[in-house]
Amino acid sequence: MPANGIVYQQAGRWHRQRNRFGKLWAQTKVTAQLAISYFDWTWLRSRTRDSAAQLAGFATRP
């Protein structure tokens, strides 16, 4: 039977790994939300025809 110190060491290592995954997942989730909101914004602007290129007159007029 292992000593208490070894059990605590293993438990601490397990929690650190879970915490690292949690941080990575949170960062990935934020990045995905930013990407989705950006593409949603660009799609909305293209639908309302007031994108930066269209406002500057660079886009072709139908």
PDB file of N, CA and C in Angstrom:
ATOM      1  N   MET A   1       0.844  -1.183   0.000  1.00  0.00           N
ATOM      2  CA  MET A   1       0.000   0.000   0.000  1.00  0.00           C
ATOM      3  C   MET A   1       0.889   1.246   0.000  1.00  0.00           C
ATOM      4  N   PRO A   2       0.641   2.155  -0.930  1.00  0.00           N
ATOM      5  CA  PRO A   2       1.532   3.313  -1.031  1.00  0.00           C
ATOM      6  C   PRO A   2       1.335   4.280   0.128  1.00  0.00           C
ATOM      7  N   ALA A   3       2.371   5.045   0.332  1.00  0.00           N
ATOM      8  CA  ALA A   3       2.287   6.069   1.381  1.00  0.00           C
ATOM      9  C   ALA A   3       1.360   7.197   0.928  1.00  0.00           C
ATOM     10  N   ASN A   4       0.841   7.940   1.885  1.00  0.00           N
ATOM     11  CA  ASN A   4      -0.096   9.014   1.561  1.00  0.00           C
ATOM     12  C   ASN A   4       0.514  10.053   0.630  1.00  0.00           C
ATOM     13  N   GLY A   5       1.811  10.321   0.779  1.00  0.00           N
ATOM     14  CA  GLY A   5       2.459  11.314  -0.078  1.00  0.00           C
ATOM     15  C   GLY A   5       2.386  10.935  -1.543  1.00  0.00           C
ATOM     16  N   ILE A   6       2.548   9.644  -1.849  1.00  0.00           N
ATOM     17  CA  ILE A   6       2.493   9.192  -3.242  1.00  0.00           C
ATOM     18  C   ILE A   6       1.073   9.322  -3.777  1.00  0.00           C
ATOM     19  N   VAL A   7       0.100   8.975  -2.963  1.00  0.00           N
ATOM     20  CA  VAL A   7      -1.298   9.093  -3.397  1.00  0.00           C
ATOM     21  C   VAL A   7      -1.622  10.552  -3.708  1.00  0.00           C
ATOM     22  N   TYR A   8      -1.213  11.461  -2.831  1.00  0.00           N
ATOM     23  CA  TYR A   8      -1.479  12.882  -3.062  1.00  0.00           C
ATOM     24  C   TYR A   8      -0.740  13.387  -4.298  1.00  0.00           C
ATOM     25  N   GLN A   9       0.480  12.885  -4.503  1.00  0.00           N
ATOM     26  CA  GLN A   9       1.254  13.305  -5.672  1.00  0.00           C
ATOM     27  C   GLN A   9       0.548  12.881  -6.957  1.00  0.00           C
ATOM     28  N   GLN A  10       0.057  11.650  -6.988  1.00  0.00           N
ATOM     29  CA  GLN A  10      -0.643  11.166  -8.178  1.00  0.00           C
ATOM     30  C   GLN A  10      -1.939  11.939  -8.396  1.00  0.00           C
ATOM     31  N   ALA A  11      -2.662  12.221  -7.323  1.00  0.00           N
ATOM     32  CA  ALA A  11      -3.910  12.979  -7.442  1.00  0.00           C
ATOM     33  C   ALA A  11      -3.624  14.387  -7.953  1.00  0.00           C
ATOM     34  N   GLY A  12      -2.564  15.005  -7.452  1.00  0.00           N
ATOM     35  CA  GLY A  12      -2.202  16.340  -7.917  1.00  0.00           C
ATOM     36  C   GLY A  12      -1.850  16.347  -9.387  1.00  0.00           C
ATOM     37  N   ARG A  13      -1.137  15.321  -9.836  1.00  0.00           N
ATOM     38  CA  ARG A  13      -0.768  15.221 -11.248  1.00  0.00           C
ATOM     39  C   ARG A  13      -2.021  15.072 -12.101  1.00  0.00           C
ATOM     40  N   TRP A  14      -2.973  14.265 -11.655  1.00  0.00           N
ATOM     41  CA  TRP A  14      -4.218  14.057 -12.414  1.00  0.00           C
ATOM     42  C   TRP A  14      -4.979  15.373 -12.539  1.00  0.00           C
ATOM     43  N   HIS A  15      -5.062  16.132 -11.446  1.00  0.00           N
ATOM     44  CA  HIS A  15      -5.797  17.401 -11.484  1.00  0.00           C
ATOM     45  C   HIS A  15      -5.090  18.428 -12.361  1.00  0.00           C
ATOM     46  N   ARG A  16      -3.748  18.419 -12.338  1.00  0.00           N
ATOM     47  CA  ARG A  16      -3.021  19.354 -13.204  1.00  0.00           C
ATOM     48  C   ARG A  16      -3.282  19.053 -14.665  1.00  0.00           C
ATOM     49  N   GLN A  17      -3.330  17.776 -15.023  1.00  0.00           N
ATOM     50  CA  GLN A  17      -3.605  17.417 -16.415  1.00  0.00           C
ATOM     51  C   GLN A  17      -5.013  17.831 -16.805  1.00  0.00           C
ATOM     52  N   ARG A  18      -5.973  17.607 -15.910  1.00  0.00           N
ATOM     53  CA  ARG A  18      -7.348  18.017 -16.222  1.00  0.00           C
ATOM     54  C   ARG A  18      -7.429  19.539 -16.357  1.00  0.00           C
ATOM     55  N   ASN A  19      -6.703  20.256 -15.488  1.00  0.00           N
ATOM     56  CA  ASN A  19      -6.727  21.713 -15.525  1.00  0.00           C
ATOM     57  C   ASN A  19      -6.117  22.222 -16.826  1.00  0.00           C
ATOM     58  N   ARG A  20      -5.035  21.579 -17.282  1.00  0.00           N
ATOM     59  CA  ARG A  20      -4.399  21.980 -18.530  1.00  0.00           C
ATOM     60  C   ARG A  20      -5.367  21.787 -19.689  1.00  0.00           C
ATOM     61  N   PHE A  21      -6.073  20.668 -19.688  1.00  0.00           N
ATOM     62  CA  PHE A  21      -7.058  20.431 -20.744  1.00  0.00           C
ATOM     63  C   PHE A  21      -8.184  21.449 -20.665  1.00  0.00           C
ATOM     64  N   GLY A  22      -8.604  21.796 -19.456  1.00  0.00           N
ATOM     65  CA  GLY A  22      -9.662  22.787 -19.297  1.00  0.00           C
ATOM     66  C   GLY A  22      -9.257  24.146 -19.835  1.00  0.00           C
ATOM     67  N   LYS A  23      -8.004  24.547 -19.580  1.00  0.00           N
ATOM     68  CA  LYS A  23      -7.517  25.825 -20.099  1.00  0.00           C
ATOM     69  C   LYS A  23      -7.468  25.796 -21.621  1.00  0.00           C
ATOM     70  N   LEU A  24      -6.980  24.704 -22.179  1.00  0.00           N
ATOM     71  CA  LEU A  24      -6.892  24.585 -23.635  1.00  0.00           C
ATOM     72  C   LEU A  24      -8.278  24.607 -24.253  1.00  0.00           C
ATOM     73  N   TRP A  25      -9.220  23.917 -23.628  1.00  0.00           N
ATOM     74  CA  TRP A  25     -10.586  23.889 -24.154  1.00  0.00           C
ATOM     75  C   TRP A  25     -11.217  25.274 -24.092  1.00  0.00           C
ATOM     76  N   ALA A  26     -10.991  26.000 -22.993  1.00  0.00           N
ATOM     77  CA  ALA A  26     -11.542  27.352 -22.872  1.00  0.00           C
ATOM     78  C   ALA A  26     -10.970  28.263 -23.948  1.00  0.00           C
ATOM     79  N   GLN A  27      -9.668  28.145 -24.214  1.00  0.00           N
ATOM     80  CA  GLN A  27      -9.036  28.971 -25.243  1.00  0.00           C
ATOM     81  C   GLN A  27      -9.583  28.614 -26.619  1.00  0.00           C
ATOM     82  N   THR A  28      -9.758  27.317 -26.881  1.00  0.00           N
ATOM     83  CA  THR A  28     -10.300  26.878 -28.165  1.00  0.00           C
ATOM     84  C   THR A  28     -11.726  27.374 -28.337  1.00  0.00           C
ATOM     85  N   LYS A  29     -12.501  27.319 -27.261  1.00  0.00           N
ATOM     86  CA  LYS A  29     -13.897  27.755 -27.330  1.00  0.00           C
ATOM     87  C   LYS A  29     -13.984  29.250 -27.633  1.00  0.00           C
ATOM     88  N   VAL A  30     -13.131  30.047 -26.996  1.00  0.00           N
ATOM     89  CA  VAL A  30     -13.133  31.491 -27.244  1.00  0.00           C
ATOM     90  C   VAL A  30     -12.725  31.780 -28.682  1.00  0.00           C
ATOM     91  N   THR A  31     -11.702  31.077 -29.178  1.00  0.00           N
ATOM     92  CA  THR A  31     -11.261  31.275 -30.561  1.00  0.00           C
ATOM     93  C   THR A  31     -12.367  30.914 -31.534  1.00  0.00           C
ATOM     94  N   ALA A  32     -13.062  29.824 -31.274  1.00  0.00           N
ATOM     95  CA  ALA A  32     -14.159  29.415 -32.155  1.00  0.00           C
ATOM     96  C   ALA A  32     -15.288  30.438 -32.123  1.00  0.00           C
ATOM     97  N   GLN A  33     -15.596  30.962 -30.950  1.00  0.00           N
ATOM     98  CA  GLN A  33     -16.658  31.970 -30.854  1.00  0.00           C
ATOM     99  C   GLN A  33     -16.288  33.234 -31.620  1.00  0.00           C
ATOM    100  N   LEU A  34     -15.020  33.634 -31.540  1.00  0.00           N
ATOM    101  CA  LEU A  34     -14.579  34.811 -32.284  1.00  0.00           C
ATOM    102  C   LEU A  34     -14.671  34.577 -33.786  1.00  0.00           C
ATOM    103  N   ALA A  35     -14.241  33.399 -34.236  1.00  0.00           N
ATOM    104  CA  ALA A  35     -14.299  33.088 -35.663  1.00  0.00           C
ATOM    105  C   ALA A  35     -15.739  33.058 -36.154  1.00  0.00           C
ATOM    106  N   ILE A  36     -16.616  32.442 -35.394  1.00  0.00           N
ATOM    107  CA  ILE A  36     -18.025  32.355 -35.799  1.00  0.00           C
ATOM    108  C   ILE A  36     -18.651  33.743 -35.833  1.00  0.00           C
ATOM    109  N   SER A  37     -18.369  34.557 -34.826  1.00  0.00           N
ATOM    110  CA  SER A  37     -18.958  35.899 -34.815  1.00  0.00           C
ATOM    111  C   SER A  37     -18.415  36.739 -35.964  1.00  0.00           C
ATOM    112  N   TYR A  38     -17.131  36.557 -36.318  1.00  0.00           N
ATOM    113  CA  TYR A  38     -16.559  37.309 -37.443  1.00  0.00           C
ATOM    114  C   TYR A  38     -17.231  36.908 -38.752  1.00  0.00           C
ATOM    115  N   PHE A  39     -17.365  35.603 -38.997  1.00  0.00           N
ATOM    116  CA  PHE A  39     -17.991  35.164 -40.239  1.00  0.00           C
ATOM    117  C   PHE A  39     -19.469  35.523 -40.271  1.00  0.00           C
ATOM    118  N   ASP A  40     -20.110  35.505 -39.122  1.00  0.00           N
ATOM    119  CA  ASP A  40     -21.504  35.928 -39.061  1.00  0.00           C
ATOM    120  C   ASP A  40     -21.615  37.415 -39.401  1.00  0.00           C
ATOM    121  N   TRP A  41     -20.688  38.212 -38.879  1.00  0.00           N
ATOM    122  CA  TRP A  41     -20.678  39.646 -39.159  1.00  0.00           C
ATOM    123  C   TRP A  41     -20.441  39.903 -40.646  1.00  0.00           C
ATOM    124  N   THR A  42     -19.460  39.200 -41.240  1.00  0.00           N
ATOM    125  CA  THR A  42     -19.181  39.417 -42.665  1.00  0.00           C
ATOM    126  C   THR A  42     -20.357  38.963 -43.517  1.00  0.00           C
ATOM    127  N   TRP A  43     -21.007  37.867 -43.141  1.00  0.00           N
ATOM    128  CA  TRP A  43     -22.169  37.407 -43.907  1.00  0.00           C
ATOM    129  C   TRP A  43     -23.296  38.429 -43.814  1.00  0.00           C
ATOM    130  N   LEU A  44     -23.518  38.962 -42.627  1.00  0.00           N
ATOM    131  CA  LEU A  44     -24.573  39.960 -42.453  1.00  0.00           C
ATOM    132  C   LEU A  44     -24.270  41.206 -43.282  1.00  0.00           C
ATOM    133  N   ARG A  45     -23.012  41.630 -43.277  1.00  0.00           N
ATOM    134  CA  ARG A  45     -22.636  42.807 -44.059  1.00  0.00           C
ATOM    135  C   ARG A  45     -22.796  42.537 -45.559  1.00  0.00           C
ATOM    136  N   SER A  46     -22.478  41.349 -46.007  1.00  0.00           N
ATOM    137  CA  SER A  46     -22.635  41.045 -47.430  1.00  0.00           C
ATOM    138  C   SER A  46     -24.113  40.993 -47.805  1.00  0.00           C
ATOM    139  N   ARG A  47     -24.955  40.599 -46.864  1.00  0.00           N
ATOM    140  CA  ARG A  47     -26.394  40.554 -47.149  1.00  0.00           C
ATOM    141  C   ARG A  47     -26.988  41.962 -47.206  1.00  0.00           C
ATOM    142  N   THR A  48     -26.483  42.869 -46.388  1.00  0.00           N
ATOM    143  CA  THR A  48     -27.033  44.227 -46.371  1.00  0.00           C
ATOM    144  C   THR A  48     -26.301  45.149 -47.339  1.00  0.00           C
ATOM    145  N   ARG A  49     -25.304  44.628 -48.023  1.00  0.00           N
ATOM    146  CA  ARG A  49     -24.540  45.356 -49.049  1.00  0.00           C
ATOM    147  C   ARG A  49     -23.903  46.643 -48.519  1.00  0.00           C
ATOM    148  N   ASP A  50     -23.373  46.568 -47.310  1.00  0.00           N
ATOM    149  CA  ASP A  50     -22.630  47.729 -46.819  1.00  0.00           C
ATOM    150  C   ASP A  50     -21.266  47.295 -46.284  1.00  0.00           C
ATOM    151  N   SER A  51     -20.614  46.389 -47.017  1.00  0.00           N
ATOM    152  CA  SER A  51     -19.272  45.985 -46.629  1.00  0.00           C
ATOM    153  C   SER A  51     -18.306  47.128 -46.938  1.00  0.00           C
ATOM    154  N   ALA A  52     -17.101  47.029 -46.429  1.00  0.00           N
ATOM    155  CA  ALA A  52     -16.119  48.097 -46.636  1.00  0.00           C
ATOM    156  C   ALA A  52     -15.807  48.266 -48.120  1.00  0.00           C
ATOM    157  N   ALA A  53     -15.673  47.169 -48.848  1.00  0.00           N
ATOM    158  CA  ALA A  53     -15.374  47.255 -50.282  1.00  0.00           C
ATOM    159  C   ALA A  53     -16.536  47.899 -51.034  1.00  0.00           C
ATOM    160  N   GLN A  54     -17.747  47.553 -50.655  1.00  0.00           N
ATOM    161  CA  GLN A  54     -18.906  48.120 -51.346  1.00  0.00           C
ATOM    162  C   GLN A  54     -19.070  49.600 -51.020  1.00  0.00           C
ATOM    163  N   LEU A  55     -18.795  49.969 -49.775  1.00  0.00           N
ATOM    164  CA  LEU A  55     -18.896  51.382 -49.412  1.00  0.00           C
ATOM    165  C   LEU A  55     -17.835  52.210 -50.131  1.00  0.00           C
ATOM    166  N   ALA A  56     -16.657  51.616 -50.360  1.00  0.00           N
ATOM    167  CA  ALA A  56     -15.583  52.333 -51.046  1.00  0.00           C
ATOM    168  C   ALA A  56     -15.776  52.333 -52.557  1.00  0.00           C
ATOM    169  N   GLY A  57     -16.714  51.550 -53.052  1.00  0.00           N
ATOM    170  CA  GLY A  57     -16.970  51.504 -54.478  1.00  0.00           C
ATOM    171  C   GLY A  57     -16.111  50.508 -55.224  1.00  0.00           C
ATOM    172  N   PHE A  58     -15.418  49.604 -54.510  1.00  0.00           N
ATOM    173  CA  PHE A  58     -14.566  48.620 -55.174  1.00  0.00           C
ATOM    174  C   PHE A  58     -15.356  47.421 -55.670  1.00  0.00           C
ATOM    175  N   ALA A  59     -16.475  47.152 -55.061  1.00  0.00           N
ATOM    176  CA  ALA A  59     -17.266  45.986 -55.448  1.00  0.00           C
ATOM    177  C   ALA A  59     -18.011  46.293 -56.742  1.00  0.00           C
ATOM    178  N   THR A  60     -18.232  45.252 -57.519  1.00  0.00           N
ATOM    179  CA  THR A  60     -18.961  45.441 -58.777  1.00  0.00           C
ATOM    180  C   THR A  60     -20.434  45.648 -58.466  1.00  0.00           C
ATOM    181  N   ARG A  61     -21.026  46.538 -59.172  1.00  0.00           N
ATOM    182  CA  ARG A  61     -22.453  46.809 -58.980  1.00  0.00           C
ATOM    183  C   ARG A  61     -23.260  45.899 -59.897  1.00  0.00           C
ATOM    184  N   PRO A  62     -24.302  45.253 -59.401  1.00  0.00           N
ATOM    185  CA  PRO A  62     -25.105  44.369 -60.259  1.00  0.00           C
ATOM    186  C   PRO A  62     -25.974  45.161 -61.236  1.00  0.00           C
TER     187      PRO A  62
END
